Protein backbone atom coordinates (compact mmCIF):
# COMPACT_ATOMS: atom_id res chain seq x y z
CA MET A 1 0.62 -0.12 -0.41
CA ILE A 2 1.15 3.64 -0.72
CA LYS A 3 0.36 6.83 0.81
CA LEU A 4 0.79 10.53 -1.16
CA GLU A 5 1.97 12.67 0.56
CA ASP A 6 -0.56 15.16 -0.32
CA SER A 7 -3.43 12.36 1.47
CA ASP A 8 -5.71 12.52 4.53
CA GLU A 9 -5.38 8.91 4.90
CA SER A 10 -2.87 7.55 7.53
CA PHE A 11 -0.97 4.46 8.29
CA TYR A 12 -3.16 2.25 11.44
CA PHE A 13 -1.80 -0.79 12.85
CA CYS A 14 -4.75 -3.35 13.82
CA THR A 15 -4.64 -6.38 15.72
CA THR A 16 -7.34 -9.20 17.06
CA ALA A 17 -7.42 -12.71 18.04
CA ASN A 18 -4.62 -14.48 16.50
CA TRP A 19 -4.45 -11.46 13.91
CA SER A 20 -2.97 -8.25 12.56
CA THR A 21 -2.16 -6.01 9.93
CA ILE A 22 -1.83 -2.37 8.63
CA VAL A 23 -4.20 -0.01 6.78
CA LEU A 24 -4.38 2.68 5.37
CA ALA A 25 -7.88 4.98 6.30
CA VAL A 26 -9.06 8.10 7.01
CA ASN A 27 -9.99 7.25 10.25
CA GLU A 28 -9.48 4.79 13.57
CA ASN A 29 -13.00 3.40 12.99
CA GLU A 30 -13.04 2.74 8.80
CA ALA A 31 -8.74 1.37 10.04
CA ALA A 32 -10.97 -1.34 12.03
CA LYS A 33 -13.55 -2.30 9.44
CA GLU A 34 -10.73 -2.07 6.51
CA ALA A 35 -8.83 -4.46 8.33
CA LEU A 36 -12.08 -6.38 9.46
CA GLU A 37 -12.43 -6.92 5.93
CA CYS A 38 -9.08 -7.49 4.57
CA ALA A 39 -8.31 -10.03 7.00
CA GLN A 40 -11.63 -11.78 6.24
CA PHE A 41 -10.86 -11.83 1.85
CA VAL A 42 -7.47 -13.58 3.22
CA LEU A 43 -8.11 -15.98 6.01
CA GLU A 44 -11.48 -16.46 5.17
CA ASP A 45 -12.89 -19.22 7.47
CA LYS A 46 -9.72 -19.46 9.64
CA CYS A 47 -10.07 -15.66 11.04
CA MET A 48 -10.06 -15.13 14.54
CA VAL A 49 -12.23 -12.40 16.06
CA SER A 50 -12.06 -11.53 19.93
CA ALA A 51 -15.10 -9.04 21.56
CA CYS A 52 -12.43 -5.93 20.44
CA MET A 53 -10.42 -4.64 18.23
CA ARG A 54 -7.08 -2.52 18.80
CA VAL A 55 -6.05 -0.01 16.14
CA LYS A 56 -3.36 2.23 17.01
CA LYS A 57 -2.02 4.92 14.10
CA ILE A 58 0.96 4.36 12.85
CA LYS A 59 3.42 8.03 12.65
CA ASP A 60 6.98 8.72 12.79
CA LYS A 61 6.58 6.84 15.90
CA PHE A 62 3.24 5.02 17.68
CA GLU A 63 0.72 7.20 19.00
CA ASP A 64 0.24 6.42 23.05
CA CYS A 65 -3.74 6.29 21.96
CA ASP A 66 -5.23 3.50 21.29
CA PHE A 67 -9.07 3.16 20.04
CA ILE A 68 -10.86 -0.38 21.08
CA PHE A 69 -13.67 -0.77 19.16
CA ARG A 70 -16.89 -3.71 19.56
CA ILE A 71 -16.50 -6.42 17.18
CA ASP A 72 -20.19 -6.04 17.13
CA GLN A 73 -19.63 -2.42 15.28
CA ILE A 74 -17.39 -3.04 12.66
CA PHE A 75 -19.29 -6.29 11.16
CA ALA A 76 -22.45 -3.79 11.53
CA ASP A 77 -20.40 -0.78 9.70
CA MET A 78 -19.65 -3.64 6.90
CA GLY A 79 -23.54 -4.26 6.93
CA MET A 80 -23.08 -7.28 8.19
CA HIS A 81 -26.06 -6.70 10.52
CA LYS A 82 -26.87 -10.57 10.85
CA ARG A 83 -23.05 -11.36 12.49
CA SER A 84 -23.36 -8.18 14.54
CA LYS A 85 -25.95 -9.68 15.85
CA SER A 86 -24.91 -12.95 16.76
CA MET A 87 -21.59 -11.41 18.14
CA SER A 88 -23.13 -8.80 20.55
CA GLU A 89 -25.02 -11.59 21.96
CA ILE A 90 -22.11 -13.43 22.39
CA ILE A 91 -20.57 -10.17 23.82
CA LYS A 92 -23.47 -9.75 26.11
CA ASN A 93 -22.71 -13.16 27.71
CA LEU A 94 -19.15 -13.15 28.26
């Protein structure tokens, strides 16, 4: 992936369950969505998720601020509402 100097996008490190990836996105929420879409495409049925995804913006150095997103919200943002509802029920029972 390539980032042009005048781009509003930034690199983000995203991690959950048993995988991590770096994506290019305009904000943390979009980074989480892009990371999960990429992982599902690459890993297919081996794509595991946990209750949350850690998203960290990459600059010259890591920022001290992490964003944690509930996995059911990321699925909802992707339009995968049935899976979002299922994950929400699982999280409620934790």
